[in-house]
Amino acid sequence: MSKKVIGLVSFVGIAGMAAFMGCSAATTVTATDAGPAATTDSGKLVGDSGKTDSGSSSSADTGPATCYDEKGAIKIPAATGKAGQNVCNTAQITGFYTACLDAKATVATCEAYSKVPANAACLGCIEGYFPDGGISPHYPVLLPGDAEEETVYANDVTCGYLLIKKPECVQRAVDSFVCVVSACSTCGDADFDACIEEAEKGICKDVVETKACVDAYAAAETQIDAVCGGADFDTAYNKVAAFLCGPPRDGG
């Protein structure tokens, strides 16, 4: 899953209603913005390339990761996965990127995009939030990498599982991903794999994906990458946004 580091202090996505995994569900996170990505045995948590990893570690250090922080692990509100919501056209998907995610984006450009009434439904699909403060019932295009959303990820796990007709796998996949990357959000590349393993055995153990779902995803990696993945965040973002928020694909 590919990442995007952003710097808009007014950018508020679904992490704005996230709860810390180590606290009660009533303990919410106040998001302001939107770390490195990871590899796991599921083959779905990947680095900047956005391509699926075999699960091999690039780190020579297999010991505990000192950057692991279970207090930083978050859980976003439960939702459902839905493809083909038909609330964004290509111009709106590109427009959101330019206004809110591009290196040249500013608070003013992002707010201007958000204030256009015609963009409201599309914004809810991409961010998980509607301009009026409402929360989408469906998982958004962007997932938080930490409570402050200094990093966001293209939601290719939801896209992938819906593509291969495994909607029952979506919620746990999203919960697992958000939990592990947020618990390891301060890690460098050398420690990330070890941290992911530690998180899966620790704070995130109750949301680790089932073997059946992991195997189904791995068996369809090529198909999923063609529709939901990409060589970089920009490509993955556009694909996932088109799949989740654009019109339904032919054949469902």
Protein backbone atom coordinates (compact mmCIF):
# COMPACT_ATOMS: atom_id res chain seq x y z
CA MET A 1 0.00 0.00 0.00
CA SER A 2 1.51 3.29 -1.05
CA LYS A 3 1.80 6.32 1.18
CA LYS A 4 1.64 10.08 0.87
CA VAL A 5 3.15 12.48 3.38
CA ILE A 6 1.08 15.66 3.52
CA GLY A 7 1.45 18.95 5.30
CA LEU A 8 -1.94 20.62 5.34
CA VAL A 9 -2.80 21.38 8.94
CA SER A 10 -6.47 21.74 8.01
CA PHE A 11 -6.69 18.38 6.25
CA VAL A 12 -9.14 16.26 8.23
CA GLY A 13 -9.96 12.74 7.13
CA ILE A 14 -11.43 9.71 8.81
CA ALA A 15 -8.73 9.71 11.49
CA GLY A 16 -10.57 12.65 12.99
CA MET A 17 -12.90 10.13 14.62
CA ALA A 18 -10.27 7.49 15.32
CA ALA A 19 -9.92 5.91 18.73
CA PHE A 20 -6.65 4.84 20.27
CA MET A 21 -6.46 1.04 20.36
CA GLY A 22 -5.16 1.11 23.92
CA CYS A 23 -8.03 3.26 25.21
CA SER A 24 -11.78 3.10 25.33
CA ALA A 25 -13.68 3.71 22.10
CA ALA A 26 -14.80 7.04 23.51
CA THR A 27 -11.26 8.40 23.45
CA THR A 28 -11.16 10.21 20.11
CA VAL A 29 -8.28 11.68 18.19
CA THR A 30 -8.41 15.24 16.92
CA ALA A 31 -6.83 15.03 13.48
CA THR A 32 -4.91 17.90 11.97
CA ASP A 33 -2.92 16.52 9.04
CA ALA A 34 -2.45 13.23 7.59
CA GLY A 35 5.44 7.05 7.88
CA PRO A 36 6.97 4.58 6.06
CA ALA A 37 5.03 1.61 4.80
CA ALA A 38 5.42 -2.00 5.71
CA THR A 39 5.51 -5.56 4.56
CA THR A 40 3.67 -8.39 6.25
CA ASP A 41 3.04 -12.02 5.50
CA SER A 42 -0.25 -10.98 3.95
CA GLY A 43 1.69 -9.36 1.12
CA LYS A 44 -0.43 -6.20 1.21
CA LEU A 45 1.48 -3.71 3.30
CA VAL A 46 4.15 -2.32 1.06
CA GLY A 47 6.59 0.53 0.60
CA ASP A 48 6.44 3.69 -1.48
CA SER A 49 6.16 1.79 -4.75
CA GLY A 50 2.61 0.73 -3.94
CA LYS A 51 3.37 -2.76 -5.26
CA THR A 52 2.70 -5.91 -3.30
CA ASP A 53 5.67 -7.28 -1.44
CA SER A 54 6.51 -10.94 -1.06
CA GLY A 55 6.75 -10.52 2.68
CA SER A 56 10.54 -10.66 2.84
CA SER A 57 12.22 -8.22 5.16
CA SER A 58 14.78 -5.69 4.03
CA SER A 59 16.02 -5.31 7.57
CA ALA A 60 18.88 -7.33 8.94
CA ASP A 61 17.67 -6.65 12.45
CA THR A 62 15.07 -9.23 13.46
CA GLY A 63 14.94 -8.16 17.08
CA PRO A 64 12.23 -6.07 18.72
CA ALA A 65 11.71 -2.66 17.15
CA THR A 66 12.38 0.13 19.62
CA CYS A 67 10.14 2.42 17.54
CA TYR A 68 7.06 0.28 18.24
CA ASP A 69 4.53 2.43 20.10
CA GLU A 70 1.29 0.72 21.01
CA LYS A 71 -0.03 3.97 22.47
CA GLY A 72 0.03 5.41 18.97
CA ALA A 73 -2.07 2.62 17.46
CA ILE A 74 -5.46 3.81 16.25
CA LYS A 75 -8.70 2.29 15.04
CA ILE A 76 -10.98 4.12 12.63
CA PRO A 77 -14.79 3.89 12.81
CA ALA A 78 -16.31 0.65 11.58
CA ALA A 79 -17.67 0.93 8.06
CA THR A 80 -18.39 -1.17 5.00
CA GLY A 81 -16.61 -1.47 1.71
CA LYS A 82 -18.52 -0.28 -1.34
CA ALA A 83 -17.31 0.00 -4.91
CA GLY A 84 -18.81 2.06 -7.72
CA GLN A 85 -20.45 4.68 -5.50
CA ASN A 86 -20.66 6.99 -8.53
CA VAL A 87 -20.07 10.18 -6.54
CA CYS A 88 -16.83 11.35 -8.19
CA ASN A 89 -15.93 12.00 -11.78
CA THR A 90 -12.34 12.02 -13.01
CA ALA A 91 -12.07 15.80 -12.75
CA GLN A 92 -13.15 15.73 -9.09
CA ILE A 93 -10.69 12.97 -8.21
CA THR A 94 -7.86 14.87 -9.88
CA GLY A 95 -9.11 18.13 -8.41
CA PHE A 96 -8.97 16.79 -4.86
CA TYR A 97 -5.40 15.62 -5.37
CA THR A 98 -4.34 18.98 -6.76
CA ALA A 99 -6.11 20.97 -4.05
CA CYS A 100 -5.29 18.85 -1.00
CA LEU A 101 -2.48 16.35 -1.67
CA ASP A 102 -0.17 17.86 -4.25
CA ALA A 103 3.13 19.33 -3.11
CA LYS A 104 1.83 22.75 -4.14
CA ALA A 105 -1.49 22.36 -2.31
CA THR A 106 -2.29 24.87 0.43
CA VAL A 107 -4.85 25.15 3.19
CA ALA A 108 -6.67 27.67 1.02
CA THR A 109 -6.84 25.44 -2.06
CA CYS A 110 -8.04 22.45 -0.03
CA GLU A 111 -10.70 24.49 1.75
CA ALA A 112 -11.82 25.99 -1.55
CA TYR A 113 -12.32 22.50 -3.02
CA SER A 114 -14.23 21.40 0.09
CA LYS A 115 -16.59 24.38 -0.05
CA VAL A 116 -17.87 23.61 -3.55
CA PRO A 117 -21.28 21.99 -3.00
CA ALA A 118 -20.88 19.72 -6.02
CA ASN A 119 -17.77 18.17 -4.43
CA ALA A 120 -19.44 17.21 -1.14
CA ALA A 121 -20.30 13.58 -1.94
CA CYS A 122 -16.96 13.01 -3.63
CA LEU A 123 -15.12 14.47 -0.66
CA GLY A 124 -16.94 12.08 1.66
CA CYS A 125 -15.92 9.13 -0.47
CA ILE A 126 -12.25 10.14 -0.63
CA GLU A 127 -11.74 11.37 2.95
CA GLY A 128 -14.51 9.63 4.83
CA TYR A 129 -15.88 13.00 5.96
CA PHE A 130 -18.52 15.22 4.43
CA PRO A 131 -18.18 19.02 4.60
CA ASP A 132 -21.11 19.18 7.02
CA GLY A 133 -19.25 16.96 9.48
CA GLY A 134 -21.03 13.74 8.64
CA ILE A 135 -19.09 10.49 8.36
CA SER A 136 -19.38 8.20 5.35
CA PRO A 137 -20.71 4.70 6.08
CA HIS A 138 -18.11 3.32 3.67
CA TYR A 139 -14.34 3.04 3.99
CA PRO A 140 -12.67 5.98 2.21
CA VAL A 141 -10.01 6.14 -0.46
CA LEU A 142 -7.47 7.50 2.05
CA LEU A 143 -6.50 5.70 5.26
CA PRO A 144 -4.55 7.41 8.05
CA GLY A 145 -1.01 6.31 8.88
CA ASP A 146 -1.12 8.00 12.28
CA ALA A 147 -3.51 9.92 14.51
CA GLU A 148 -2.47 13.27 13.06
CA GLU A 149 -2.70 12.08 9.44
CA GLU A 150 0.79 13.30 8.65
CA THR A 151 0.76 10.33 6.29
CA VAL A 152 -2.12 8.83 4.34
CA TYR A 153 -2.29 5.61 2.35
CA ALA A 154 -4.32 4.66 -0.71
CA ASN A 155 -6.88 2.10 0.47
CA ASP A 156 -5.99 -0.72 -1.88
CA VAL A 157 -7.01 -3.38 0.66
CA THR A 158 -10.68 -2.38 0.42
CA CYS A 159 -10.38 -2.00 -3.34
CA GLY A 160 -8.69 -5.39 -3.67
CA TYR A 161 -11.07 -7.39 -1.54
CA LEU A 162 -14.12 -5.88 -3.24
CA LEU A 163 -12.59 -6.57 -6.63
CA ILE A 164 -12.21 -10.29 -5.84
CA LYS A 165 -15.66 -10.46 -4.25
CA LYS A 166 -14.48 -10.87 -0.65
CA PRO A 167 -16.33 -8.06 1.17
CA GLU A 168 -16.28 -10.05 4.39
CA CYS A 169 -12.51 -9.49 4.56
CA VAL A 170 -12.60 -5.69 4.28
CA GLN A 171 -13.20 -4.54 7.85
CA ARG A 172 -10.53 -6.70 9.43
CA ALA A 173 -8.04 -5.82 6.69
CA VAL A 174 -8.57 -2.09 7.22
CA ASP A 175 -8.46 -2.40 11.01
CA SER A 176 -5.26 -4.44 10.84
CA PHE A 177 -3.54 -2.10 8.42
CA VAL A 178 -4.39 1.11 10.27
CA CYS A 179 -3.44 -0.44 13.60
CA VAL A 180 0.01 -1.67 12.55
CA VAL A 181 1.10 1.35 10.53
CA SER A 182 0.02 3.76 13.26
CA ALA A 183 1.80 1.72 15.93
CA CYS A 184 4.92 1.90 13.75
CA SER A 185 4.51 5.41 12.36
CA THR A 186 7.83 6.68 13.75
CA CYS A 187 9.90 3.77 12.44
CA GLY A 188 12.53 4.04 9.76
CA ASP A 189 12.78 1.52 6.94
CA ALA A 190 15.30 -0.62 8.81
CA ASP A 191 12.96 -1.21 11.75
CA PHE A 192 9.59 -1.28 10.06
CA ASP A 193 9.24 -5.00 9.35
CA ALA A 194 10.24 -5.90 12.91
CA CYS A 195 7.78 -3.35 14.25
CA ILE A 196 4.93 -4.73 12.13
CA GLU A 197 5.56 -8.20 13.51
CA GLU A 198 5.65 -6.82 17.02
CA ALA A 199 2.40 -4.90 16.51
CA GLU A 200 0.65 -7.96 15.08
CA LYS A 201 1.59 -9.93 18.19
CA GLY A 202 0.83 -7.03 20.53
CA ILE A 203 -1.68 -4.21 20.32
CA CYS A 204 -3.06 -5.34 16.94
CA LYS A 205 -3.34 -9.06 17.65
CA ASP A 206 -7.14 -8.96 17.83
CA VAL A 207 -7.50 -7.52 14.32
CA VAL A 208 -4.95 -9.60 12.40
CA GLU A 209 -6.47 -10.87 9.17
CA THR A 210 -7.71 -14.43 8.78
CA LYS A 211 -5.62 -16.88 6.78
CA ALA A 212 -8.48 -17.44 4.34
CA CYS A 213 -8.62 -13.75 3.46
CA VAL A 214 -4.84 -13.39 3.25
CA ASP A 215 -4.60 -16.40 0.93
CA ALA A 216 -7.40 -15.15 -1.31
CA TYR A 217 -5.73 -11.74 -1.64
CA ALA A 218 -2.31 -13.25 -2.35
CA ALA A 219 -3.74 -15.53 -5.04
CA ALA A 220 -5.18 -12.51 -6.87
CA GLU A 221 -2.23 -10.12 -6.47
CA THR A 222 -1.73 -9.55 -10.20
CA GLN A 223 -5.42 -8.82 -10.77
CA ILE A 224 -5.61 -6.54 -7.74
CA ASP A 225 -2.47 -4.62 -8.63
CA ALA A 226 -3.81 -3.90 -12.11
CA VAL A 227 -6.97 -2.29 -10.76
CA CYS A 228 -6.02 -1.03 -7.29
CA GLY A 229 -2.23 -0.71 -7.13
CA GLY A 230 0.49 1.29 -8.79
CA ALA A 231 4.15 2.18 -8.91
CA ASP A 232 3.57 5.20 -6.67
CA PHE A 233 0.95 6.87 -4.48
CA ASP A 234 -0.44 9.01 -7.29
CA THR A 235 -1.23 5.99 -9.45
CA ALA A 236 -2.73 3.99 -6.60
CA TYR A 237 -4.80 6.96 -5.41
CA ASN A 238 -6.33 7.49 -8.83
CA LYS A 239 -7.10 3.80 -9.29
CA VAL A 240 -8.62 3.31 -5.85
CA ALA A 241 -10.63 6.54 -6.10
CA ALA A 242 -11.99 5.53 -9.51
CA PHE A 243 -12.92 2.05 -8.25
CA LEU A 244 -14.56 3.12 -4.98
CA CYS A 245 -15.97 6.53 -5.87
CA GLY A 246 -16.47 6.43 -9.63
CA PRO A 247 -19.20 4.67 -11.58
CA PRO A 248 -19.58 0.87 -11.25
CA ARG A 249 -17.22 -1.22 -13.35
CA ASP A 250 -18.63 -3.37 -16.12
CA GLY A 251 -19.53 -6.74 -14.71
CA GLY A 252 -19.88 -5.36 -11.16
